[in-house]
Amino acid sequence: MKRVYVASAISAENLEKGLGNLRKGILAGVELLKRGYAPYIPHLDYQFNLIQDEHIDVDLYYSYDLEWLSVCECMLVLPNWENSRGVKAEIEFAKENNIPIYYNIEDIV
């Protein structure tokens, strides 16, 4: 299975938009999985926050995600990423490491 990193904005100015961002990323991952790919979906990292006693700094999330990106064969960037600090860093990392970047699932296929 080809490993695909799913990149898009996660955080937002309000809960409704933030949950919408999570849904968008997870749905893209589901679509990739159904097509035979092995997606890494950073949007599922929100589950770390379910542990009330622990706090994970956002920079630790970024480092963690870049480790996963480094072992993926390509990256899928979803729409409306332009204001995301994390996605900008992921795109730069992918370029520096010659990881192909796609902006449409159809282009990966």
PDB file of N, CA and C in Angstrom:
ATOM      1  N   MET A   1       0.842  -1.188   0.000  1.00  0.00           N
ATOM      2  CA  MET A   1       0.000   0.000   0.000  1.00  0.00           C
ATOM      3  C   MET A   1       0.882   1.244   0.000  1.00  0.00           C
ATOM      4  N   LYS A   2       0.526   2.176  -0.801  1.00  0.00           N
ATOM      5  CA  LYS A   2       1.243   3.442  -0.851  1.00  0.00           C
ATOM      6  C   LYS A   2       0.794   4.318   0.321  1.00  0.00           C
ATOM      7  N   ARG A   3       1.752   4.841   1.103  1.00  0.00           N
ATOM      8  CA  ARG A   3       1.454   5.694   2.254  1.00  0.00           C
ATOM      9  C   ARG A   3       1.263   7.136   1.799  1.00  0.00           C
ATOM     10  N   VAL A   4       0.122   7.710   2.168  1.00  0.00           N
ATOM     11  CA  VAL A   4      -0.222   9.074   1.775  1.00  0.00           C
ATOM     12  C   VAL A   4      -0.472   9.902   3.032  1.00  0.00           C
ATOM     13  N   TYR A   5       0.208  11.013   3.145  1.00  0.00           N
ATOM     14  CA  TYR A   5       0.019  11.941   4.258  1.00  0.00           C
ATOM     15  C   TYR A   5      -1.077  12.925   3.884  1.00  0.00           C
ATOM     16  N   VAL A   6      -2.105  13.043   4.706  1.00  0.00           N
ATOM     17  CA  VAL A   6      -3.226  13.945   4.441  1.00  0.00           C
ATOM     18  C   VAL A   6      -2.980  15.257   5.186  1.00  0.00           C
ATOM     19  N   ALA A   7      -2.842  16.348   4.446  1.00  0.00           N
ATOM     20  CA  ALA A   7      -2.557  17.650   5.056  1.00  0.00           C
ATOM     21  C   ALA A   7      -3.688  18.628   4.778  1.00  0.00           C
ATOM     22  N   SER A   8      -4.150  19.265   5.828  1.00  0.00           N
ATOM     23  CA  SER A   8      -5.088  20.388   5.702  1.00  0.00           C
ATOM     24  C   SER A   8      -5.179  21.080   7.042  1.00  0.00           C
ATOM     25  N   ALA A   9      -5.780  22.243   7.024  1.00  0.00           N
ATOM     26  CA  ALA A   9      -5.953  22.997   8.269  1.00  0.00           C
ATOM     27  C   ALA A   9      -6.739  22.146   9.260  1.00  0.00           C
ATOM     28  N   ILE A  10      -6.360  22.233  10.520  1.00  0.00           N
ATOM     29  CA  ILE A  10      -7.078  21.516  11.575  1.00  0.00           C
ATOM     30  C   ILE A  10      -7.733  22.523  12.516  1.00  0.00           C
ATOM     31  N   SER A  11      -6.940  23.401  13.092  1.00  0.00           N
ATOM     32  CA  SER A  11      -7.510  24.362  14.032  1.00  0.00           C
ATOM     33  C   SER A  11      -8.272  25.456  13.278  1.00  0.00           C
ATOM     34  N   ALA A  12      -9.167  26.122  13.997  1.00  0.00           N
ATOM     35  CA  ALA A  12      -9.994  27.170  13.399  1.00  0.00           C
ATOM     36  C   ALA A  12     -10.410  28.154  14.484  1.00  0.00           C
ATOM     37  N   GLU A  13     -11.049  29.227  14.061  1.00  0.00           N
ATOM     38  CA  GLU A  13     -11.431  30.272  15.015  1.00  0.00           C
ATOM     39  C   GLU A  13     -12.606  29.900  15.905  1.00  0.00           C
ATOM     40  N   ASN A  14     -13.309  28.821  15.559  1.00  0.00           N
ATOM     41  CA  ASN A  14     -14.390  28.369  16.436  1.00  0.00           C
ATOM     42  C   ASN A  14     -14.541  26.855  16.340  1.00  0.00           C
ATOM     43  N   LEU A  15     -15.263  26.294  17.285  1.00  0.00           N
ATOM     44  CA  LEU A  15     -15.411  24.845  17.394  1.00  0.00           C
ATOM     45  C   LEU A  15     -16.062  24.234  16.152  1.00  0.00           C
ATOM     46  N   GLU A  16     -17.089  24.873  15.643  1.00  0.00           N
ATOM     47  CA  GLU A  16     -17.795  24.328  14.483  1.00  0.00           C
ATOM     48  C   GLU A  16     -16.863  24.195  13.273  1.00  0.00           C
ATOM     49  N   LYS A  17     -16.093  25.230  13.010  1.00  0.00           N
ATOM     50  CA  LYS A  17     -15.161  25.170  11.882  1.00  0.00           C
ATOM     51  C   LYS A  17     -14.035  24.173  12.148  1.00  0.00           C
ATOM     52  N   GLY A  18     -13.584  24.106  13.391  1.00  0.00           N
ATOM     53  CA  GLY A  18     -12.541  23.147  13.745  1.00  0.00           C
ATOM     54  C   GLY A  18     -13.010  21.712  13.537  1.00  0.00           C
ATOM     55  N   LEU A  19     -14.229  21.426  13.973  1.00  0.00           N
ATOM     56  CA  LEU A  19     -14.782  20.076  13.753  1.00  0.00           C
ATOM     57  C   LEU A  19     -14.987  19.803  12.274  1.00  0.00           C
ATOM     58  N   GLY A  20     -15.352  20.824  11.514  1.00  0.00           N
ATOM     59  CA  GLY A  20     -15.478  20.676  10.061  1.00  0.00           C
ATOM     60  C   GLY A  20     -14.143  20.342   9.425  1.00  0.00           C
ATOM     61  N   ASN A  21     -13.074  20.972   9.911  1.00  0.00           N
ATOM     62  CA  ASN A  21     -11.737  20.669   9.397  1.00  0.00           C
ATOM     63  C   ASN A  21     -11.345  19.228   9.707  1.00  0.00           C
ATOM     64  N   LEU A  22     -11.645  18.774  10.927  1.00  0.00           N
ATOM     65  CA  LEU A  22     -11.352  17.383  11.278  1.00  0.00           C
ATOM     66  C   LEU A  22     -12.094  16.436  10.348  1.00  0.00           C
ATOM     67  N   ARG A  23     -13.370  16.710  10.143  1.00  0.00           N
ATOM     68  CA  ARG A  23     -14.202  15.857   9.284  1.00  0.00           C
ATOM     69  C   ARG A  23     -13.649  15.807   7.860  1.00  0.00           C
ATOM     70  N   LYS A  24     -13.262  16.954   7.333  1.00  0.00           N
ATOM     71  CA  LYS A  24     -12.731  17.013   5.961  1.00  0.00           C
ATOM     72  C   LYS A  24     -11.491  16.139   5.813  1.00  0.00           C
ATOM     73  N   GLY A  25     -10.582  16.230   6.778  1.00  0.00           N
ATOM     74  CA  GLY A  25      -9.365  15.430   6.711  1.00  0.00           C
ATOM     75  C   GLY A  25      -9.627  13.943   6.857  1.00  0.00           C
ATOM     76  N   ILE A  26     -10.513  13.595   7.787  1.00  0.00           N
ATOM     77  CA  ILE A  26     -10.835  12.181   8.000  1.00  0.00           C
ATOM     78  C   ILE A  26     -11.544  11.602   6.776  1.00  0.00           C
ATOM     79  N   LEU A  27     -12.462  12.358   6.191  1.00  0.00           N
ATOM     80  CA  LEU A  27     -13.155  11.875   4.980  1.00  0.00           C
ATOM     81  C   LEU A  27     -12.182  11.642   3.825  1.00  0.00           C
ATOM     82  N   ALA A  28     -11.203  12.526   3.673  1.00  0.00           N
ATOM     83  CA  ALA A  28     -10.196  12.328   2.620  1.00  0.00           C
ATOM     84  C   ALA A  28      -9.404  11.054   2.894  1.00  0.00           C
ATOM     85  N   GLY A  29      -9.059  10.822   4.162  1.00  0.00           N
ATOM     86  CA  GLY A  29      -8.348   9.596   4.525  1.00  0.00           C
ATOM     87  C   GLY A  29      -9.162   8.355   4.243  1.00  0.00           C
ATOM     88  N   VAL A  30     -10.451   8.414   4.532  1.00  0.00           N
ATOM     89  CA  VAL A  30     -11.341   7.280   4.252  1.00  0.00           C
ATOM     90  C   VAL A  30     -11.385   7.005   2.755  1.00  0.00           C
ATOM     91  N   GLU A  31     -11.478   8.057   1.964  1.00  0.00           N
ATOM     92  CA  GLU A  31     -11.507   7.885   0.504  1.00  0.00           C
ATOM     93  C   GLU A  31     -10.215   7.237   0.006  1.00  0.00           C
ATOM     94  N   LEU A  32      -9.084   7.672   0.538  1.00  0.00           N
ATOM     95  CA  LEU A  32      -7.807   7.066   0.148  1.00  0.00           C
ATOM     96  C   LEU A  32      -7.754   5.591   0.564  1.00  0.00           C
ATOM     97  N   LEU A  33      -8.190   5.299   1.773  1.00  0.00           N
ATOM     98  CA  LEU A  33      -8.194   3.921   2.261  1.00  0.00           C
ATOM     99  C   LEU A  33      -9.051   3.030   1.363  1.00  0.00           C
ATOM    100  N   LYS A  34     -10.217   3.521   0.983  1.00  0.00           N
ATOM    101  CA  LYS A  34     -11.110   2.747   0.112  1.00  0.00           C
ATOM    102  C   LYS A  34     -10.502   2.507  -1.266  1.00  0.00           C
ATOM    103  N   ARG A  35      -9.577   3.364  -1.665  1.00  0.00           N
ATOM    104  CA  ARG A  35      -8.919   3.216  -2.965  1.00  0.00           C
ATOM    105  C   ARG A  35      -7.639   2.393  -2.874  1.00  0.00           C
ATOM    106  N   GLY A  36      -7.339   1.874  -1.693  1.00  0.00           N
ATOM    107  CA  GLY A  36      -6.200   0.991  -1.551  1.00  0.00           C
ATOM    108  C   GLY A  36      -4.927   1.629  -1.035  1.00  0.00           C
ATOM    109  N   TYR A  37      -5.021   2.860  -0.548  1.00  0.00           N
ATOM    110  CA  TYR A  37      -3.854   3.540   0.007  1.00  0.00           C
ATOM    111  C   TYR A  37      -3.837   3.393   1.523  1.00  0.00           C
ATOM    112  N   ALA A  38      -2.689   3.706   2.119  1.00  0.00           N
ATOM    113  CA  ALA A  38      -2.551   3.700   3.575  1.00  0.00           C
ATOM    114  C   ALA A  38      -2.366   5.154   4.016  1.00  0.00           C
ATOM    115  N   PRO A  39      -3.467   5.844   4.324  1.00  0.00           N
ATOM    116  CA  PRO A  39      -3.348   7.259   4.675  1.00  0.00           C
ATOM    117  C   PRO A  39      -2.899   7.465   6.113  1.00  0.00           C
ATOM    118  N   TYR A  40      -2.062   8.469   6.305  1.00  0.00           N
ATOM    119  CA  TYR A  40      -1.795   8.967   7.654  1.00  0.00           C
ATOM    120  C   TYR A  40      -2.632  10.232   7.789  1.00  0.00           C
ATOM    121  N   ILE A  41      -3.493  10.269   8.799  1.00  0.00           N
ATOM    122  CA  ILE A  41      -4.459  11.349   8.949  1.00  0.00           C
ATOM    123  C   ILE A  41      -4.175  12.101  10.251  1.00  0.00           C
ATOM    124  N   PRO A  42      -3.444  13.216  10.202  1.00  0.00           N
ATOM    125  CA  PRO A  42      -3.132  13.967  11.413  1.00  0.00           C
ATOM    126  C   PRO A  42      -4.383  14.454  12.146  1.00  0.00           C
ATOM    127  N   HIS A  43      -5.477  14.538  11.448  1.00  0.00           N
ATOM    128  CA  HIS A  43      -6.733  14.995  12.046  1.00  0.00           C
ATOM    129  C   HIS A  43      -7.195  14.064  13.171  1.00  0.00           C
ATOM    130  N   LEU A  44      -6.706  12.846  13.168  1.00  0.00           N
ATOM    131  CA  LEU A  44      -7.060  11.906  14.231  1.00  0.00           C
ATOM    132  C   LEU A  44      -6.218  12.115  15.488  1.00  0.00           C
ATOM    133  N   ASP A  45      -5.211  12.965  15.411  1.00  0.00           N
ATOM    134  CA  ASP A  45      -4.365  13.241  16.571  1.00  0.00           C
ATOM    135  C   ASP A  45      -5.120  13.954  17.688  1.00  0.00           C
ATOM    136  N   TYR A  46      -6.297  14.498  17.372  1.00  0.00           N
ATOM    137  CA  TYR A  46      -7.078  15.184  18.408  1.00  0.00           C
ATOM    138  C   TYR A  46      -7.338  14.250  19.591  1.00  0.00           C
ATOM    139  N   GLN A  47      -7.283  12.956  19.357  1.00  0.00           N
ATOM    140  CA  GLN A  47      -7.554  11.995  20.424  1.00  0.00           C
ATOM    141  C   GLN A  47      -6.538  12.086  21.564  1.00  0.00           C
ATOM    142  N   PHE A  48      -5.355  12.600  21.291  1.00  0.00           N
ATOM    143  CA  PHE A  48      -4.394  12.824  22.367  1.00  0.00           C
ATOM    144  C   PHE A  48      -4.984  13.761  23.424  1.00  0.00           C
ATOM    145  N   ASN A  49      -5.833  14.680  22.982  1.00  0.00           N
ATOM    146  CA  ASN A  49      -6.420  15.659  23.901  1.00  0.00           C
ATOM    147  C   ASN A  49      -7.493  15.060  24.803  1.00  0.00           C
ATOM    148  N   LEU A  50      -7.893  13.835  24.561  1.00  0.00           N
ATOM    149  CA  LEU A  50      -8.893  13.194  25.411  1.00  0.00           C
ATOM    150  C   LEU A  50      -8.320  12.822  26.771  1.00  0.00           C
ATOM    151  N   ILE A  51      -7.006  12.820  26.873  1.00  0.00           N
ATOM    152  CA  ILE A  51      -6.341  12.552  28.148  1.00  0.00           C
ATOM    153  C   ILE A  51      -6.236  13.888  28.881  1.00  0.00           C
ATOM    154  N   GLN A  52      -7.127  14.112  29.822  1.00  0.00           N
ATOM    155  CA  GLN A  52      -7.254  15.409  30.482  1.00  0.00           C
ATOM    156  C   GLN A  52      -6.017  15.819  31.275  1.00  0.00           C
ATOM    157  N   ASP A  53      -5.255  14.869  31.780  1.00  0.00           N
ATOM    158  CA  ASP A  53      -4.136  15.191  32.647  1.00  0.00           C
ATOM    159  C   ASP A  53      -2.880  15.607  31.895  1.00  0.00           C
ATOM    160  N   GLU A  54      -2.883  15.461  30.608  1.00  0.00           N
ATOM    161  CA  GLU A  54      -1.696  15.747  29.812  1.00  0.00           C
ATOM    162  C   GLU A  54      -1.940  16.924  28.878  1.00  0.00           C
ATOM    163  N   HIS A  55      -0.897  17.683  28.643  1.00  0.00           N
ATOM    164  CA  HIS A  55      -0.954  18.771  27.664  1.00  0.00           C
ATOM    165  C   HIS A  55       0.161  18.539  26.657  1.00  0.00           C
ATOM    166  N   ILE A  56      -0.182  18.584  25.405  1.00  0.00           N
ATOM    167  CA  ILE A  56       0.818  18.429  24.356  1.00  0.00           C
ATOM    168  C   ILE A  56       0.944  19.765  23.642  1.00  0.00           C
ATOM    169  N   ASP A  57       2.137  20.301  23.643  1.00  0.00           N
ATOM    170  CA  ASP A  57       2.412  21.566  22.980  1.00  0.00           C
ATOM    171  C   ASP A  57       2.245  21.407  21.468  1.00  0.00           C
ATOM    172  N   VAL A  58       1.737  22.440  20.828  1.00  0.00           N
ATOM    173  CA  VAL A  58       1.478  22.373  19.388  1.00  0.00           C
ATOM    174  C   VAL A  58       2.759  22.063  18.602  1.00  0.00           C
ATOM    175  N   ASP A  59       3.904  22.543  19.052  1.00  0.00           N
ATOM    176  CA  ASP A  59       5.149  22.255  18.338  1.00  0.00           C
ATOM    177  C   ASP A  59       5.509  20.774  18.397  1.00  0.00           C
ATOM    178  N   LEU A  60       5.120  20.100  19.477  1.00  0.00           N
ATOM    179  CA  LEU A  60       5.343  18.663  19.561  1.00  0.00           C
ATOM    180  C   LEU A  60       4.459  17.932  18.544  1.00  0.00           C
ATOM    181  N   TYR A  61       3.222  18.392  18.377  1.00  0.00           N
ATOM    182  CA  TYR A  61       2.356  17.832  17.329  1.00  0.00           C
ATOM    183  C   TYR A  61       3.008  18.001  15.959  1.00  0.00           C
ATOM    184  N   TYR A  62       3.534  19.196  15.686  1.00  0.00           N
ATOM    185  CA  TYR A  62       4.163  19.442  14.387  1.00  0.00           C
ATOM    186  C   TYR A  62       5.343  18.498  14.153  1.00  0.00           C
ATOM    187  N   SER A  63       6.180  18.319  15.152  1.00  0.00           N
ATOM    188  CA  SER A  63       7.337  17.418  15.019  1.00  0.00           C
ATOM    189  C   SER A  63       6.886  15.983  14.782  1.00  0.00           C
ATOM    190  N   TYR A  64       5.886  15.575  15.540  1.00  0.00           N
ATOM    191  CA  TYR A  64       5.322  14.224  15.415  1.00  0.00           C
ATOM    192  C   TYR A  64       4.795  13.995  13.998  1.00  0.00           C
ATOM    193  N   ASP A  65       4.050  14.959  13.480  1.00  0.00           N
ATOM    194  CA  ASP A  65       3.492  14.813  12.134  1.00  0.00           C
ATOM    195  C   ASP A  65       4.565  14.781  11.056  1.00  0.00           C
ATOM    196  N   LEU A  66       5.624  15.568  11.226  1.00  0.00           N
ATOM    197  CA  LEU A  66       6.701  15.552  10.232  1.00  0.00           C
ATOM    198  C   LEU A  66       7.418  14.209  10.208  1.00  0.00           C
ATOM    199  N   GLU A  67       7.500  13.542  11.348  1.00  0.00           N
ATOM    200  CA  GLU A  67       8.084  12.195  11.372  1.00  0.00           C
ATOM    201  C   GLU A  67       7.261  11.249  10.505  1.00  0.00           C
ATOM    202  N   TRP A  68       5.946  11.350  10.610  1.00  0.00           N
ATOM    203  CA  TRP A  68       5.079  10.510   9.780  1.00  0.00           C
ATOM    204  C   TRP A  68       5.182  10.903   8.312  1.00  0.00           C
ATOM    205  N   LEU A  69       5.218  12.188   8.035  1.00  0.00           N
ATOM    206  CA  LEU A  69       5.357  12.636   6.649  1.00  0.00           C
ATOM    207  C   LEU A  69       6.639  12.095   6.039  1.00  0.00           C
ATOM    208  N   SER A  70       7.701  12.008   6.822  1.00  0.00           N
ATOM    209  CA  SER A  70       8.991  11.556   6.292  1.00  0.00           C
ATOM    210  C   SER A  70       8.965  10.119   5.784  1.00  0.00           C
ATOM    211  N   VAL A  71       8.001   9.317   6.212  1.00  0.00           N
ATOM    212  CA  VAL A  71       7.928   7.931   5.752  1.00  0.00           C
ATOM    213  C   VAL A  71       6.789   7.704   4.761  1.00  0.00           C
ATOM    214  N   CYS A  72       6.149   8.773   4.332  1.00  0.00           N
ATOM    215  CA  CYS A  72       5.078   8.649   3.338  1.00  0.00           C
ATOM    216  C   CYS A  72       5.642   8.820   1.935  1.00  0.00           C
ATOM    217  N   GLU A  73       4.998   8.155   0.976  1.00  0.00           N
ATOM    218  CA  GLU A  73       5.448   8.262  -0.415  1.00  0.00           C
ATOM    219  C   GLU A  73       4.976   9.547  -1.079  1.00  0.00           C
ATOM    220  N   CYS A  74       3.912  10.136  -0.539  1.00  0.00           N
ATOM    221  CA  CYS A  74       3.421  11.387  -1.094  1.00  0.00           C
ATOM    222  C   CYS A  74       2.530  12.093  -0.073  1.00  0.00           C
ATOM    223  N   MET A  75       2.137  13.297  -0.426  1.00  0.00           N
ATOM    224  CA  MET A  75       1.312  14.114   0.465  1.00  0.00           C
ATOM    225  C   MET A  75       0.130  14.642  -0.330  1.00  0.00           C
ATOM    226  N   LEU A  76      -1.043  14.573   0.285  1.00  0.00           N
ATOM    227  CA  LEU A  76      -2.251  15.154  -0.293  1.00  0.00           C
ATOM    228  C   LEU A  76      -2.591  16.400   0.509  1.00  0.00           C
ATOM    229  N   VAL A  77      -2.655  17.537  -0.147  1.00  0.00           N
ATOM    230  CA  VAL A  77      -3.014  18.802   0.493  1.00  0.00           C
ATOM    231  C   VAL A  77      -4.442  19.141   0.100  1.00  0.00           C
ATOM    232  N   LEU A  78      -5.297  19.283   1.103  1.00  0.00           N
ATOM    233  CA  LEU A  78      -6.705  19.584   0.868  1.00  0.00           C
ATOM    234  C   LEU A  78      -6.921  21.094   0.740  1.00  0.00           C
ATOM    235  N   PRO A  79      -8.023  21.518   0.130  1.00  0.00           N
ATOM    236  CA  PRO A  79      -8.299  22.951  -0.052  1.00  0.00           C
ATOM    237  C   PRO A  79      -8.327  23.727   1.265  1.00  0.00           C
ATOM    238  N   ASN A  80      -8.099  25.026   1.144  1.00  0.00           N
ATOM    239  CA  ASN A  80      -8.150  25.984   2.250  1.00  0.00           C
ATOM    240  C   ASN A  80      -7.056  25.771   3.290  1.00  0.00           C
ATOM    241  N   TRP A  81      -5.885  25.415   2.828  1.00  0.00           N
ATOM    242  CA  TRP A  81      -4.738  25.191   3.703  1.00  0.00           C
ATOM    243  C   TRP A  81      -3.897  26.454   3.892  1.00  0.00           C
ATOM    244  N   GLU A  82      -4.137  27.454   3.078  1.00  0.00           N
ATOM    245  CA  GLU A  82      -3.235  28.603   2.952  1.00  0.00           C
ATOM    246  C   GLU A  82      -2.942  29.347   4.266  1.00  0.00           C
ATOM    247  N   ASN A  83      -3.845  29.318   5.212  1.00  0.00           N
ATOM    248  CA  ASN A  83      -3.624  30.023   6.480  1.00  0.00           C
ATOM    249  C   ASN A  83      -3.157  29.096   7.600  1.00  0.00           C
ATOM    250  N   SER A  84      -2.807  27.873   7.261  1.00  0.00           N
ATOM    251  CA  SER A  84      -2.389  26.895   8.260  1.00  0.00           C
ATOM    252  C   SER A  84      -0.868  26.888   8.407  1.00  0.00           C
ATOM    253  N   ARG A  85      -0.396  27.253   9.583  1.00  0.00           N
ATOM    254  CA  ARG A  85       1.045  27.225   9.868  1.00  0.00           C
ATOM    255  C   ARG A  85       1.596  25.813   9.692  1.00  0.00           C
ATOM    256  N   GLY A  86       0.844  24.817  10.167  1.00  0.00           N
ATOM    257  CA  GLY A  86       1.294  23.431  10.083  1.00  0.00           C
ATOM    258  C   GLY A  86       1.416  22.939   8.656  1.00  0.00           C
ATOM    259  N   VAL A  87       0.413  23.211   7.835  1.00  0.00           N
ATOM    260  CA  VAL A  87       0.459  22.738   6.444  1.00  0.00           C
ATOM    261  C   VAL A  87       1.574  23.437   5.672  1.00  0.00           C
ATOM    262  N   LYS A  88       1.790  24.713   5.935  1.00  0.00           N
ATOM    263  CA  LYS A  88       2.902  25.415   5.269  1.00  0.00           C
ATOM    264  C   LYS A  88       4.230  24.729   5.591  1.00  0.00           C
ATOM    265  N   ALA A  89       4.422  24.373   6.854  1.00  0.00           N
ATOM    266  CA  ALA A  89       5.658  23.688   7.260  1.00  0.00           C
ATOM    267  C   ALA A  89       5.743  22.309   6.625  1.00  0.00           C
ATOM    268  N   GLU A  90       4.614  21.610   6.529  1.00  0.00           N
ATOM    269  CA  GLU A  90       4.597  20.272   5.922  1.00  0.00           C
ATOM    270  C   GLU A  90       4.937  20.343   4.436  1.00  0.00           C
ATOM    271  N   ILE A  91       4.402  21.335   3.743  1.00  0.00           N
ATOM    272  CA  ILE A  91       4.714  21.502   2.317  1.00  0.00           C
ATOM    273  C   ILE A  91       6.206  21.780   2.139  1.00  0.00           C
ATOM    274  N   GLU A  92       6.749  22.658   2.952  1.00  0.00           N
ATOM    275  CA  GLU A  92       8.177  22.969   2.877  1.00  0.00           C
ATOM    276  C   GLU A  92       9.016  21.719   3.141  1.00  0.00           C
ATOM    277  N   PHE A  93       8.642  20.954   4.164  1.00  0.00           N
ATOM    278  CA  PHE A  93       9.344  19.712   4.497  1.00  0.00           C
ATOM    279  C   PHE A  93       9.280  18.736   3.325  1.00  0.00           C
ATOM    280  N   ALA A  94       8.100  18.589   2.737  1.00  0.00           N
ATOM    281  CA  ALA A  94       7.941  17.671   1.602  1.00  0.00           C
ATOM    282  C   ALA A  94       8.826  18.092   0.432  1.00  0.00           C
ATOM    283  N   LYS A  95       8.862  19.378   0.150  1.00  0.00           N
ATOM    284  CA  LYS A  95       9.706  19.869  -0.945  1.00  0.00           C
ATOM    285  C   LYS A  95      11.181  19.587  -0.663  1.00  0.00           C
ATOM    286  N   GLU A  96      11.606  19.863   0.575  1.00  0.00           N
ATOM    287  CA  GLU A  96      13.007  19.647   0.948  1.00  0.00           C
ATOM    288  C   GLU A  96      13.394  18.177   0.888  1.00  0.00           C
ATOM    289  N   ASN A  97      12.428  17.286   1.054  1.00  0.00           N
ATOM    290  CA  ASN A  97      12.709  15.853   1.092  1.00  0.00           C
ATOM    291  C   ASN A  97      12.202  15.110  -0.142  1.00  0.00           C
ATOM    292  N   ASN A  98      11.900  15.858  -1.174  1.00  0.00           N
ATOM    293  CA  ASN A  98      11.470  15.283  -2.463  1.00  0.00           C
ATOM    294  C   ASN A  98      10.271  14.337  -2.334  1.00  0.00           C
ATOM    295  N   ILE A  99       9.338  14.716  -1.471  1.00  0.00           N
ATOM    296  CA  ILE A  99       8.093  13.960  -1.316  1.00  0.00           C
ATOM    297  C   ILE A  99       7.066  14.608  -2.236  1.00  0.00           C
ATOM    298  N   PRO A 100       6.533  13.864  -3.192  1.00  0.00           N
ATOM    299  CA  PRO A 100       5.560  14.452  -4.113  1.00  0.00           C
ATOM    300  C   PRO A 100       4.345  15.021  -3.378  1.00  0.00           C
ATOM    301  N   ILE A 101       3.884  16.171  -3.860  1.00  0.00           N
ATOM    302  CA  ILE A 101       2.742  16.854  -3.268  1.00  0.00           C
ATOM    303  C   ILE A 101       1.612  16.890  -4.296  1.00  0.00           C
ATOM    304  N   TYR A 102       0.434  16.458  -3.853  1.00  0.00           N
ATOM    305  CA  TYR A 102      -0.754  16.475  -4.699  1.00  0.00           C
ATOM    306  C   TYR A 102      -1.834  17.320  -4.024  1.00  0.00           C
ATOM    307  N   TYR A 103      -2.656  17.929  -4.850  1.00  0.00           N
ATOM    308  CA  TYR A 103      -3.728  18.773  -4.327  1.00  0.00           C
ATOM    309  C   TYR A 103      -5.097  18.213  -4.673  1.00  0.00           C
ATOM    310  N   ASN A 104      -5.108  16.984  -5.204  1.00  0.00           N
ATOM    311  CA  ASN A 104      -6.355  16.341  -5.593  1.00  0.00           C
ATOM    312  C   ASN A 104      -6.156  14.830  -5.508  1.00  0.00           C
ATOM    313  N   ILE A 105      -7.091  14.129  -4.933  1.00  0.00           N
ATOM    314  CA  ILE A 105      -6.990  12.664  -4.813  1.00  0.00           C
ATOM    315  C   ILE A 105      -6.848  12.023  -6.184  1.00  0.00           C
ATOM    316  N   GLU A 106      -7.550  12.534  -7.160  1.00  0.00           N
ATOM    317  CA  GLU A 106      -7.490  11.959  -8.512  1.00  0.00           C
ATOM    318  C   GLU A 106      -6.090  12.010  -9.095  1.00  0.00           C
ATOM    319  N   ASP A 107      -5.313  13.018  -8.725  1.00  0.00           N
ATOM    320  CA  ASP A 107      -3.947  13.124  -9.239  1.00  0.00           C
ATOM    321  C   ASP A 107      -3.024  12.054  -8.665  1.00  0.00           C
ATOM    322  N   ILE A 108      -3.336  11.560  -7.479  1.00  0.00           N
ATOM    323  CA  ILE A 108      -2.537  10.491  -6.872  1.00  0.00           C
ATOM    324  C   ILE A 108      -2.772   9.181  -7.629  1.00  0.00           C
ATOM    325  N   VAL A 109      -3.997   8.954  -8.003  1.00  0.00           N
ATOM    326  CA  VAL A 109      -4.369   7.737  -8.710  1.00  0.00           C
ATOM    327  C   VAL A 109      -3.758   7.811 -10.095  1.00  0.00           C
TER     328      VAL A 109
END
